[in-house]
Amino acid sequence: MTATPPFITHDAAMGRLDWLGAVAALKAGHALPRAEIRDTFLGPATGTMMTRSAFIAGLGYGAKPFTVFDANPSRGLPTVQGAMLVFDKDDGHLRAIVENRLVTTFKTAADSVLGASLLARPDSRHLLIVGAGTVAASLVQAYTAVLPGIETVTVWARRPEQARALVAGLAGIGADLRATADLQAAVGQADIVSTATMARQPIIGGDWVRPGTHVDLIGAYKADMREADDALLARARLFVDSRETTAHIGELLIPLGSGAITEDSIRGDLYDLVQPGVQGRASDDDITVFKNGGGAHLDLMIASWIIDRLG
């Protein structure tokens, strides 16, 4: 008789997982053969179901179906609801079902922190988080856990009270936490800038960023969304987590369309960066930019790690 696969929830698992392990899982996953990825979309724009699927040789198969209902907050429900199904690499049995929120929490922040660990200056001390939502809280936790040299974390949000509330609500962070209302000044003082907003127009100016800074762009996920201006992308050494999953995002589409950058401006993705001897940052004065686009292959890497850790 086949055993019922476990259902791993966010609330049951959060205290049993760690950021170092999540980043290590993504790094190890990118040492495997490149993933096969497919996305499907069904339903109207106000109530869409997406299914993101991936196969990674040596790791297995994963499918993450989830719904996005814009009106759900007014109903007291989450906008996004779903789960990750992970299937065995050898015989295809369903290993476990992992709550979508748990996978996404670790996937999103670990993706960015892996990029920073490969691209930011090793002596980076000051992290700026742009945005003050749920992702921002995870970023503070992940960055300070994996890059222990960070001594100061500054948070900016369009509504200053949100930034102050995020800072006040974080506990156990081994860095000085502060909120700011002056985004331009904060960008100019930071060693790492991590943006997690819903911006549709650039909020980070290229002339604000000092030499040597690493910029981590997370928020934009649609063709009309972006967080950095053309000047920043043109100045920087530009990398992405996955060429396939970032190709449709305005962060790249718009400056490609204007001619500010070309396809050759994208120097590589995480599969390239984890290879021995591959150089991301060429000098301490380089500005590096990393576009976090997500993708089902990252979900599969993180969900597999969660199952292994909790099994």
C-alpha atoms as a PDB file:
ATOM      1  CA  MET A   1       0.000   0.000   0.000  1.00  0.00           C
ATOM      2  CA  THR A   2       1.390   3.403  -1.011  1.00  0.00           C
ATOM      3  CA  ALA A   3       2.055   5.766   1.904  1.00  0.00           C
ATOM      4  CA  THR A   4       0.225   9.096   1.898  1.00  0.00           C
ATOM      5  CA  PRO A   5       2.726  11.836   1.068  1.00  0.00           C
ATOM      6  CA  PRO A   6       3.230  14.453   3.784  1.00  0.00           C
ATOM      7  CA  PHE A   7       1.806  17.974   3.523  1.00  0.00           C
ATOM      8  CA  ILE A   8       4.418  20.413   4.860  1.00  0.00           C
ATOM      9  CA  THR A   9       2.978  23.725   6.009  1.00  0.00           C
ATOM     10  CA  HIS A  10       4.625  27.090   6.481  1.00  0.00           C
ATOM     11  CA  ASP A  11       3.773  27.402  10.167  1.00  0.00           C
ATOM     12  CA  ALA A  12       4.959  23.900  11.061  1.00  0.00           C
ATOM     13  CA  ALA A  13       8.285  24.201   9.225  1.00  0.00           C
ATOM     14  CA  MET A  14       9.551  27.773   9.646  1.00  0.00           C
ATOM     15  CA  GLY A  15      11.388  27.254  12.926  1.00  0.00           C
ATOM     16  CA  ARG A  16      13.130  24.141  11.623  1.00  0.00           C
ATOM     17  CA  LEU A  17      14.812  25.636   8.544  1.00  0.00           C
ATOM     18  CA  ASP A  18      17.737  28.021   8.094  1.00  0.00           C
ATOM     19  CA  TRP A  19      18.919  30.537   5.528  1.00  0.00           C
ATOM     20  CA  LEU A  20      22.424  29.113   5.153  1.00  0.00           C
ATOM     21  CA  GLY A  21      20.888  25.782   4.197  1.00  0.00           C
ATOM     22  CA  ALA A  22      18.517  27.383   1.698  1.00  0.00           C
ATOM     23  CA  VAL A  23      21.297  29.262  -0.081  1.00  0.00           C
ATOM     24  CA  ALA A  24      23.484  26.146  -0.120  1.00  0.00           C
ATOM     25  CA  ALA A  25      20.589  24.187  -1.659  1.00  0.00           C
ATOM     26  CA  LEU A  26      20.258  26.671  -4.516  1.00  0.00           C
ATOM     27  CA  LYS A  27      24.002  26.691  -5.108  1.00  0.00           C
ATOM     28  CA  ALA A  28      24.084  22.884  -5.223  1.00  0.00           C
ATOM     29  CA  GLY A  29      21.043  22.823  -7.495  1.00  0.00           C
ATOM     30  CA  HIS A  30      22.771  25.068 -10.015  1.00  0.00           C
ATOM     31  CA  ALA A  31      25.692  22.644 -10.193  1.00  0.00           C
ATOM     32  CA  LEU A  32      23.261  20.085 -11.681  1.00  0.00           C
ATOM     33  CA  PRO A  33      22.219  20.082 -15.352  1.00  0.00           C
ATOM     34  CA  ARG A  34      20.105  23.039 -16.449  1.00  0.00           C
ATOM     35  CA  ALA A  35      16.435  22.633 -15.661  1.00  0.00           C
ATOM     36  CA  GLU A  36      13.569  22.152 -18.066  1.00  0.00           C
ATOM     37  CA  ILE A  37      10.907  24.753 -17.176  1.00  0.00           C
ATOM     38  CA  ARG A  38       7.310  25.307 -18.305  1.00  0.00           C
ATOM     39  CA  ASP A  39       4.659  27.781 -17.119  1.00  0.00           C
ATOM     40  CA  THR A  40       0.926  27.758 -17.878  1.00  0.00           C
ATOM     41  CA  PHE A  41      -1.694  30.434 -17.167  1.00  0.00           C
ATOM     42  CA  LEU A  42      -5.477  29.986 -16.989  1.00  0.00           C
ATOM     43  CA  GLY A  43      -8.378  32.299 -16.204  1.00  0.00           C
ATOM     44  CA  PRO A  44      -8.979  36.055 -16.242  1.00  0.00           C
ATOM     45  CA  ALA A  45      -6.455  38.625 -15.042  1.00  0.00           C
ATOM     46  CA  THR A  46      -8.372  39.159 -11.785  1.00  0.00           C
ATOM     47  CA  GLY A  47      -8.456  35.450 -10.939  1.00  0.00           C
ATOM     48  CA  THR A  48      -5.621  33.530 -12.547  1.00  0.00           C
ATOM     49  CA  MET A  49      -4.296  30.037 -11.962  1.00  0.00           C
ATOM     50  CA  MET A  50      -0.639  29.480 -12.807  1.00  0.00           C
ATOM     51  CA  THR A  51       1.251  26.209 -12.870  1.00  0.00           C
ATOM     52  CA  ARG A  52       5.027  26.357 -12.830  1.00  0.00           C
ATOM     53  CA  SER A  53       6.752  23.056 -13.549  1.00  0.00           C
ATOM     54  CA  ALA A  54      10.372  21.934 -13.657  1.00  0.00           C
ATOM     55  CA  PHE A  55      12.517  18.868 -14.208  1.00  0.00           C
ATOM     56  CA  ILE A  56      16.125  18.737 -13.009  1.00  0.00           C
ATOM     57  CA  ALA A  57      18.180  15.653 -13.828  1.00  0.00           C
ATOM     58  CA  GLY A  58      19.491  14.171 -10.598  1.00  0.00           C
ATOM     59  CA  LEU A  59      16.941  16.025  -8.457  1.00  0.00           C
ATOM     60  CA  GLY A  60      13.461  15.236  -9.718  1.00  0.00           C
ATOM     61  CA  TYR A  61      10.229  16.835 -10.869  1.00  0.00           C
ATOM     62  CA  GLY A  62       8.142  19.616  -9.406  1.00  0.00           C
ATOM     63  CA  ALA A  63       4.895  21.414 -10.142  1.00  0.00           C
ATOM     64  CA  LYS A  64       3.630  24.473  -8.306  1.00  0.00           C
ATOM     65  CA  PRO A  65      -0.019  25.266  -9.096  1.00  0.00           C
ATOM     66  CA  PHE A  66      -1.319  28.412  -7.440  1.00  0.00           C
ATOM     67  CA  THR A  67      -4.084  30.988  -7.826  1.00  0.00           C
ATOM     68  CA  VAL A  68      -3.786  34.776  -7.812  1.00  0.00           C
ATOM     69  CA  PHE A  69      -7.030  36.576  -6.881  1.00  0.00           C
ATOM     70  CA  ASP A  70      -6.654  40.358  -6.672  1.00  0.00           C
ATOM     71  CA  ALA A  71      -9.803  40.874  -4.580  1.00  0.00           C
ATOM     72  CA  ASN A  72      -8.916  38.352  -1.886  1.00  0.00           C
ATOM     73  CA  PRO A  73      -7.525  40.825   0.664  1.00  0.00           C
ATOM     74  CA  SER A  74     -11.006  42.385   0.908  1.00  0.00           C
ATOM     75  CA  ARG A  75     -12.316  38.899   1.694  1.00  0.00           C
ATOM     76  CA  GLY A  76      -9.716  38.325   4.375  1.00  0.00           C
ATOM     77  CA  LEU A  77      -7.878  35.802   2.195  1.00  0.00           C
ATOM     78  CA  PRO A  78      -4.334  35.704   0.767  1.00  0.00           C
ATOM     79  CA  THR A  79      -3.913  36.973  -2.785  1.00  0.00           C
ATOM     80  CA  VAL A  80      -1.759  33.952  -3.671  1.00  0.00           C
ATOM     81  CA  GLN A  81      -2.668  30.394  -2.611  1.00  0.00           C
ATOM     82  CA  GLY A  82      -1.110  27.142  -3.734  1.00  0.00           C
ATOM     83  CA  ALA A  83       1.289  24.282  -3.085  1.00  0.00           C
ATOM     84  CA  MET A  84       4.392  22.631  -4.511  1.00  0.00           C
ATOM     85  CA  LEU A  85       4.225  18.968  -5.553  1.00  0.00           C
ATOM     86  CA  VAL A  86       7.601  17.213  -5.612  1.00  0.00           C
ATOM     87  CA  PHE A  87       8.042  13.915  -7.456  1.00  0.00           C
ATOM     88  CA  ASP A  88      10.915  11.451  -7.088  1.00  0.00           C
ATOM     89  CA  LYS A  89      13.704  11.477  -9.657  1.00  0.00           C
ATOM     90  CA  ASP A  90      13.862   7.659  -9.971  1.00  0.00           C
ATOM     91  CA  ASP A  91      10.313   6.287  -9.940  1.00  0.00           C
ATOM     92  CA  GLY A  92       8.154   9.423 -10.086  1.00  0.00           C
ATOM     93  CA  HIS A  93       6.249   8.919  -6.830  1.00  0.00           C
ATOM     94  CA  LEU A  94       4.910  11.987  -5.032  1.00  0.00           C
ATOM     95  CA  ARG A  95       7.423  12.691  -2.263  1.00  0.00           C
ATOM     96  CA  ALA A  96       5.532  15.518  -0.557  1.00  0.00           C
ATOM     97  CA  ILE A  97       3.251  18.520  -0.952  1.00  0.00           C
ATOM     98  CA  VAL A  98       4.800  21.749   0.363  1.00  0.00           C
ATOM     99  CA  GLU A  99       2.745  24.855   1.071  1.00  0.00           C
ATOM    100  CA  ASN A 100       3.423  27.546  -1.517  1.00  0.00           C
ATOM    101  CA  ARG A 101       4.098  30.259   1.080  1.00  0.00           C
ATOM    102  CA  LEU A 102       6.907  28.237   2.661  1.00  0.00           C
ATOM    103  CA  VAL A 103       8.640  27.523  -0.646  1.00  0.00           C
ATOM    104  CA  THR A 104       8.330  31.118  -1.866  1.00  0.00           C
ATOM    105  CA  THR A 105       9.600  32.626   1.392  1.00  0.00           C
ATOM    106  CA  PHE A 106      12.864  30.713   1.221  1.00  0.00           C
ATOM    107  CA  LYS A 107      13.206  30.662  -2.573  1.00  0.00           C
ATOM    108  CA  THR A 108      12.903  34.412  -3.125  1.00  0.00           C
ATOM    109  CA  ALA A 109      15.325  35.601  -0.463  1.00  0.00           C
ATOM    110  CA  ALA A 110      17.833  32.766  -0.927  1.00  0.00           C
ATOM    111  CA  ASP A 111      17.919  33.446  -4.689  1.00  0.00           C
ATOM    112  CA  SER A 112      18.947  37.044  -4.077  1.00  0.00           C
ATOM    113  CA  VAL A 113      21.427  36.240  -1.312  1.00  0.00           C
ATOM    114  CA  LEU A 114      23.115  33.589  -3.457  1.00  0.00           C
ATOM    115  CA  GLY A 115      23.477  36.217  -6.173  1.00  0.00           C
ATOM    116  CA  ALA A 116      24.947  38.694  -3.678  1.00  0.00           C
ATOM    117  CA  SER A 117      27.355  36.110  -2.273  1.00  0.00           C
ATOM    118  CA  LEU A 118      28.737  35.663  -5.799  1.00  0.00           C
ATOM    119  CA  LEU A 119      28.694  39.312  -6.900  1.00  0.00           C
ATOM    120  CA  ALA A 120      28.860  41.731  -3.955  1.00  0.00           C
ATOM    121  CA  ARG A 121      32.190  42.924  -2.557  1.00  0.00           C
ATOM    122  CA  PRO A 122      33.327  40.599   0.265  1.00  0.00           C
ATOM    123  CA  ASP A 123      33.821  43.632   2.532  1.00  0.00           C
ATOM    124  CA  SER A 124      30.210  44.840   2.122  1.00  0.00           C
ATOM    125  CA  ARG A 125      28.959  46.227   5.442  1.00  0.00           C
ATOM    126  CA  HIS A 126      25.829  48.294   4.711  1.00  0.00           C
ATOM    127  CA  LEU A 127      22.636  46.752   3.295  1.00  0.00           C
ATOM    128  CA  LEU A 128      19.716  48.882   2.076  1.00  0.00           C
ATOM    129  CA  ILE A 129      16.313  47.215   1.741  1.00  0.00           C
ATOM    130  CA  VAL A 130      13.896  49.125  -0.522  1.00  0.00           C
ATOM    131  CA  GLY A 131      10.363  48.096   0.406  1.00  0.00           C
ATOM    132  CA  ALA A 132       8.853  47.011   3.708  1.00  0.00           C
ATOM    133  CA  GLY A 133       6.577  44.082   2.944  1.00  0.00           C
ATOM    134  CA  THR A 134       6.824  40.384   3.729  1.00  0.00           C
ATOM    135  CA  VAL A 135       9.673  39.832   1.268  1.00  0.00           C
ATOM    136  CA  ALA A 136      11.649  42.688   2.828  1.00  0.00           C
ATOM    137  CA  ALA A 137      11.518  41.029   6.245  1.00  0.00           C
ATOM    138  CA  SER A 138      12.835  37.770   4.764  1.00  0.00           C
ATOM    139  CA  LEU A 139      15.616  39.645   2.998  1.00  0.00           C
ATOM    140  CA  VAL A 140      16.850  41.224   6.229  1.00  0.00           C
ATOM    141  CA  GLN A 141      16.918  37.821   7.901  1.00  0.00           C
ATOM    142  CA  ALA A 142      18.558  36.008   4.984  1.00  0.00           C
ATOM    143  CA  TYR A 143      21.216  38.603   4.172  1.00  0.00           C
ATOM    144  CA  THR A 144      22.369  39.005   7.765  1.00  0.00           C
ATOM    145  CA  ALA A 145      22.429  35.228   8.341  1.00  0.00           C
ATOM    146  CA  VAL A 146      24.441  34.388   5.215  1.00  0.00           C
ATOM    147  CA  LEU A 147      26.648  37.506   4.938  1.00  0.00           C
ATOM    148  CA  PRO A 148      27.733  38.060   8.549  1.00  0.00           C
ATOM    149  CA  GLY A 149      29.925  41.033   7.580  1.00  0.00           C
ATOM    150  CA  ILE A 150      26.799  43.196   7.245  1.00  0.00           C
ATOM    151  CA  GLU A 151      26.808  45.606  10.170  1.00  0.00           C
ATOM    152  CA  THR A 152      24.030  48.038   9.203  1.00  0.00           C
ATOM    153  CA  VAL A 153      20.631  47.448   7.589  1.00  0.00           C
ATOM    154  CA  THR A 154      18.631  50.464   6.426  1.00  0.00           C
ATOM    155  CA  VAL A 155      15.004  50.147   5.309  1.00  0.00           C
ATOM    156  CA  TRP A 156      13.137  52.565   3.045  1.00  0.00           C
ATOM    157  CA  ALA A 157       9.470  52.452   1.991  1.00  0.00           C
ATOM    158  CA  ARG A 158       7.164  54.879   0.197  1.00  0.00           C
ATOM    159  CA  ARG A 159       5.247  55.106   3.455  1.00  0.00           C
ATOM    160  CA  PRO A 160       7.874  55.864   6.129  1.00  0.00           C
ATOM    161  CA  GLU A 161       5.708  54.378   8.863  1.00  0.00           C
ATOM    162  CA  GLN A 162       5.938  50.980   7.130  1.00  0.00           C
ATOM    163  CA  ALA A 163       9.725  51.092   7.181  1.00  0.00           C
ATOM    164  CA  ARG A 164       9.700  52.021  10.865  1.00  0.00           C
ATOM    165  CA  ALA A 165       7.242  49.228  11.646  1.00  0.00           C
ATOM    166  CA  LEU A 166       9.377  46.646   9.846  1.00  0.00           C
ATOM    167  CA  VAL A 167      12.481  47.693  11.763  1.00  0.00           C
ATOM    168  CA  ALA A 168      10.595  47.646  15.064  1.00  0.00           C
ATOM    169  CA  GLY A 169       9.178  44.191  14.369  1.00  0.00           C
ATOM    170  CA  LEU A 170      12.438  42.421  13.539  1.00  0.00           C
ATOM    171  CA  ALA A 171      14.160  40.540  16.342  1.00  0.00           C
ATOM    172  CA  GLY A 172      17.377  38.587  16.631  1.00  0.00           C
ATOM    173  CA  ILE A 173      19.147  40.409  13.787  1.00  0.00           C
ATOM    174  CA  GLY A 174      22.886  40.779  14.305  1.00  0.00           C
ATOM    175  CA  ALA A 175      23.117  44.199  12.708  1.00  0.00           C
ATOM    176  CA  ASP A 176      22.143  47.793  13.449  1.00  0.00           C
ATOM    177  CA  LEU A 177      18.632  48.327  12.010  1.00  0.00           C
ATOM    178  CA  ARG A 178      17.344  51.736  10.991  1.00  0.00           C
ATOM    179  CA  ALA A 179      14.621  53.307   8.830  1.00  0.00           C
ATOM    180  CA  THR A 180      15.166  56.201   6.449  1.00  0.00           C
ATOM    181  CA  ALA A 181      12.976  58.610   4.500  1.00  0.00           C
ATOM    182  CA  ASP A 182      15.738  59.665   2.064  1.00  0.00           C
ATOM    183  CA  LEU A 183      16.090  56.960  -0.586  1.00  0.00           C
ATOM    184  CA  GLN A 184      18.683  58.695  -2.748  1.00  0.00           C
ATOM    185  CA  ALA A 185      21.016  59.347   0.168  1.00  0.00           C
ATOM    186  CA  ALA A 186      20.593  55.794   1.440  1.00  0.00           C
ATOM    187  CA  VAL A 187      21.429  54.311  -1.978  1.00  0.00           C
ATOM    188  CA  GLY A 188      24.591  56.421  -2.083  1.00  0.00           C
ATOM    189  CA  GLN A 189      25.733  55.061   1.287  1.00  0.00           C
ATOM    190  CA  ALA A 190      24.946  51.367   0.770  1.00  0.00           C
ATOM    191  CA  ASP A 191      27.232  48.541  -0.297  1.00  0.00           C
ATOM    192  CA  ILE A 192      24.271  46.324  -1.244  1.00  0.00           C
ATOM    193  CA  VAL A 193      20.873  47.630  -2.382  1.00  0.00           C
ATOM    194  CA  SER A 194      18.017  45.094  -2.446  1.00  0.00           C
ATOM    195  CA  THR A 195      14.687  46.224  -3.917  1.00  0.00           C
ATOM    196  CA  ALA A 196      11.374  44.448  -3.290  1.00  0.00           C
ATOM    197  CA  THR A 197       8.637  46.805  -4.460  1.00  0.00           C
ATOM    198  CA  MET A 198       5.684  46.842  -6.840  1.00  0.00           C
ATOM    199  CA  ALA A 199       7.153  49.730  -8.844  1.00  0.00           C
ATOM    200  CA  ARG A 200       6.214  50.210 -12.469  1.00  0.00           C
ATOM    201  CA  GLN A 201       8.570  53.162 -12.956  1.00  0.00           C
ATOM    202  CA  PRO A 202      12.253  53.167 -11.924  1.00  0.00           C
ATOM    203  CA  ILE A 203      12.865  54.115  -8.303  1.00  0.00           C
ATOM    204  CA  ILE A 204      16.671  53.609  -8.288  1.00  0.00           C
ATOM    205  CA  GLY A 205      18.705  56.083 -10.342  1.00  0.00           C
ATOM    206  CA  GLY A 206      21.986  55.036 -11.877  1.00  0.00           C
ATOM    207  CA  ASP A 207      23.684  58.253 -10.837  1.00  0.00           C
ATOM    208  CA  TRP A 208      22.784  57.568  -7.178  1.00  0.00           C
ATOM    209  CA  VAL A 209      24.840  54.375  -7.019  1.00  0.00           C
ATOM    210  CA  ARG A 210      28.467  54.640  -6.012  1.00  0.00           C
ATOM    211  CA  PRO A 211      31.209  52.448  -7.542  1.00  0.00           C
ATOM    212  CA  GLY A 212      31.497  49.022  -5.941  1.00  0.00           C
ATOM    213  CA  THR A 213      27.801  48.674  -5.066  1.00  0.00           C
ATOM    214  CA  HIS A 214      25.825  45.507  -5.677  1.00  0.00           C
ATOM    215  CA  VAL A 215      22.148  46.017  -6.643  1.00  0.00           C
ATOM    216  CA  ASP A 216      19.663  43.179  -6.180  1.00  0.00           C
ATOM    217  CA  LEU A 217      16.390  43.715  -8.105  1.00  0.00           C
ATOM    218  CA  ILE A 218      13.459  41.548  -6.999  1.00  0.00           C
ATOM    219  CA  GLY A 219      10.123  43.320  -7.317  1.00  0.00           C
ATOM    220  CA  ALA A 220       9.434  43.548 -11.049  1.00  0.00           C
ATOM    221  CA  TYR A 221       7.817  40.411 -12.458  1.00  0.00           C
ATOM    222  CA  LYS A 222       5.644  41.714 -15.324  1.00  0.00           C
ATOM    223  CA  ALA A 223       6.448  43.314 -18.665  1.00  0.00           C
ATOM    224  CA  ASP A 224       5.420  46.779 -17.441  1.00  0.00           C
ATOM    225  CA  MET A 225       7.340  46.684 -14.148  1.00  0.00           C
ATOM    226  CA  ARG A 226      10.865  47.828 -13.310  1.00  0.00           C
ATOM    227  CA  GLU A 227      12.836  49.211 -10.361  1.00  0.00           C
ATOM    228  CA  ALA A 228      16.138  50.427 -11.904  1.00  0.00           C
ATOM    229  CA  ASP A 229      16.574  53.075 -14.583  1.00  0.00           C
ATOM    230  CA  ASP A 230      18.390  52.696 -17.910  1.00  0.00           C
ATOM    231  CA  ALA A 231      21.472  54.489 -16.592  1.00  0.00           C
ATOM    232  CA  LEU A 232      22.014  51.935 -13.830  1.00  0.00           C
ATOM    233  CA  LEU A 233      21.665  48.919 -16.108  1.00  0.00           C
ATOM    234  CA  ALA A 234      23.967  50.516 -18.689  1.00  0.00           C
ATOM    235  CA  ARG A 235      26.658  51.214 -16.044  1.00  0.00           C
ATOM    236  CA  ALA A 236      26.565  47.838 -14.358  1.00  0.00           C
ATOM    237  CA  ARG A 237      27.847  44.334 -14.899  1.00  0.00           C
ATOM    238  CA  LEU A 238      24.437  42.722 -15.332  1.00  0.00           C
ATOM    239  CA  PHE A 239      23.474  39.185 -14.261  1.00  0.00           C
ATOM    240  CA  VAL A 240      20.186  37.306 -13.839  1.00  0.00           C
ATOM    241  CA  ASP A 241      19.143  34.239 -11.883  1.00  0.00           C
ATOM    242  CA  SER A 242      17.841  32.601 -15.074  1.00  0.00           C
ATOM    243  CA  ARG A 243      17.825  33.898 -18.624  1.00  0.00           C
ATOM    244  CA  GLU A 244      14.641  31.953 -19.334  1.00  0.00           C
ATOM    245  CA  THR A 245      12.576  33.295 -16.444  1.00  0.00           C
ATOM    246  CA  THR A 246      13.665  36.945 -16.720  1.00  0.00           C
ATOM    247  CA  ALA A 247      13.227  37.381 -20.472  1.00  0.00           C
ATOM    248  CA  HIS A 248       9.615  38.617 -20.156  1.00  0.00           C
ATOM    249  CA  ILE A 249      10.192  41.126 -17.325  1.00  0.00           C
ATOM    250  CA  GLY A 250      10.142  44.879 -17.920  1.00  0.00           C
ATOM    251  CA  GLU A 251      13.355  45.316 -15.941  1.00  0.00           C
ATOM    252  CA  LEU A 252      15.125  43.928 -19.010  1.00  0.00           C
ATOM    253  CA  LEU A 253      12.528  44.227 -21.793  1.00  0.00           C
ATOM    254  CA  ILE A 254      12.174  47.994 -21.522  1.00  0.00           C
ATOM    255  CA  PRO A 255      15.897  48.924 -21.624  1.00  0.00           C
ATOM    256  CA  LEU A 256      16.455  46.318 -24.344  1.00  0.00           C
ATOM    257  CA  GLY A 257      13.715  48.001 -26.354  1.00  0.00           C
ATOM    258  CA  SER A 258      15.192  51.467 -25.861  1.00  0.00           C
ATOM    259  CA  GLY A 259      18.696  50.330 -26.741  1.00  0.00           C
ATOM    260  CA  ALA A 260      20.087  51.192 -23.310  1.00  0.00           C
ATOM    261  CA  ILE A 261      21.356  47.602 -23.091  1.00  0.00           C
ATOM    262  CA  THR A 262      21.719  44.701 -25.515  1.00  0.00           C
ATOM    263  CA  GLU A 263      21.369  40.946 -25.074  1.00  0.00           C
ATOM    264  CA  ASP A 264      25.150  40.831 -24.688  1.00  0.00           C
ATOM    265  CA  SER A 265      24.857  43.133 -21.653  1.00  0.00           C
ATOM    266  CA  ILE A 266      23.491  40.156 -19.687  1.00  0.00           C
ATOM    267  CA  ARG A 267      26.772  38.497 -18.742  1.00  0.00           C
ATOM    268  CA  GLY A 268      25.396  35.322 -17.213  1.00  0.00           C
ATOM    269  CA  ASP A 269      23.018  33.635 -14.801  1.00  0.00           C
ATOM    270  CA  LEU A 270      23.393  31.537 -11.656  1.00  0.00           C
ATOM    271  CA  TYR A 271      24.284  28.440 -13.660  1.00  0.00           C
ATOM    272  CA  ASP A 272      27.261  30.387 -15.019  1.00  0.00           C
ATOM    273  CA  LEU A 273      28.224  32.084 -11.757  1.00  0.00           C
ATOM    274  CA  VAL A 274      28.499  28.887  -9.680  1.00  0.00           C
ATOM    275  CA  GLN A 275      31.008  27.357 -12.099  1.00  0.00           C
ATOM    276  CA  PRO A 276      34.618  27.267 -10.829  1.00  0.00           C
ATOM    277  CA  GLY A 277      36.704  30.111 -12.187  1.00  0.00           C
ATOM    278  CA  VAL A 278      33.771  32.139 -13.544  1.00  0.00           C
ATOM    279  CA  GLN A 279      34.222  35.813 -12.716  1.00  0.00           C
ATOM    280  CA  GLY A 280      31.235  37.919 -11.784  1.00  0.00           C
ATOM    281  CA  ARG A 281      32.792  41.029 -10.296  1.00  0.00           C
ATOM    282  CA  ALA A 282      35.985  42.102 -12.115  1.00  0.00           C
ATOM    283  CA  SER A 283      37.053  44.815  -9.652  1.00  0.00           C
ATOM    284  CA  ASP A 284      36.061  46.436  -6.369  1.00  0.00           C
ATOM    285  CA  ASP A 285      34.804  49.456  -8.331  1.00  0.00           C
ATOM    286  CA  ASP A 286      32.361  47.502 -10.483  1.00  0.00           C
ATOM    287  CA  ILE A 287      28.665  48.085 -10.005  1.00  0.00           C
ATOM    288  CA  THR A 288      26.956  44.708 -10.230  1.00  0.00           C
ATOM    289  CA  VAL A 289      23.234  44.175 -10.821  1.00  0.00           C
ATOM    290  CA  PHE A 290      21.386  40.902 -10.246  1.00  0.00           C
ATOM    291  CA  LYS A 291      17.826  40.425 -11.470  1.00  0.00           C
ATOM    292  CA  ASN A 292      15.870  37.931  -9.371  1.00  0.00           C
ATOM    293  CA  GLY A 293      13.127  36.486 -11.583  1.00  0.00           C
ATOM    294  CA  GLY A 294      12.292  33.298  -9.717  1.00  0.00           C
ATOM    295  CA  GLY A 295      11.173  30.191 -11.560  1.00  0.00           C
ATOM    296  CA  ALA A 296       9.929  26.650 -11.007  1.00  0.00           C
ATOM    297  CA  HIS A 297      13.459  25.228 -10.984  1.00  0.00           C
ATOM    298  CA  LEU A 298      14.251  27.322  -7.907  1.00  0.00           C
ATOM    299  CA  ASP A 299      10.996  26.196  -6.280  1.00  0.00           C
ATOM    300  CA  LEU A 300      11.992  22.580  -6.932  1.00  0.00           C
ATOM    301  CA  MET A 301      15.467  23.061  -5.454  1.00  0.00           C
ATOM    302  CA  ILE A 302      14.066  24.668  -2.301  1.00  0.00           C
ATOM    303  CA  ALA A 303      11.144  22.262  -1.893  1.00  0.00           C
ATOM    304  CA  SER A 304      13.473  19.272  -2.258  1.00  0.00           C
ATOM    305  CA  TRP A 305      15.745  20.743   0.412  1.00  0.00           C
ATOM    306  CA  ILE A 306      12.778  21.303   2.733  1.00  0.00           C
ATOM    307  CA  ILE A 307      11.647  17.688   2.310  1.00  0.00           C
ATOM    308  CA  ASP A 308      15.156  16.370   2.949  1.00  0.00           C
ATOM    309  CA  ARG A 309      15.621  18.588   6.031  1.00  0.00           C
ATOM    310  CA  LEU A 310      12.273  17.717   7.581  1.00  0.00           C
ATOM    311  CA  GLY A 311      12.205  14.076   6.584  1.00  0.00           C
END
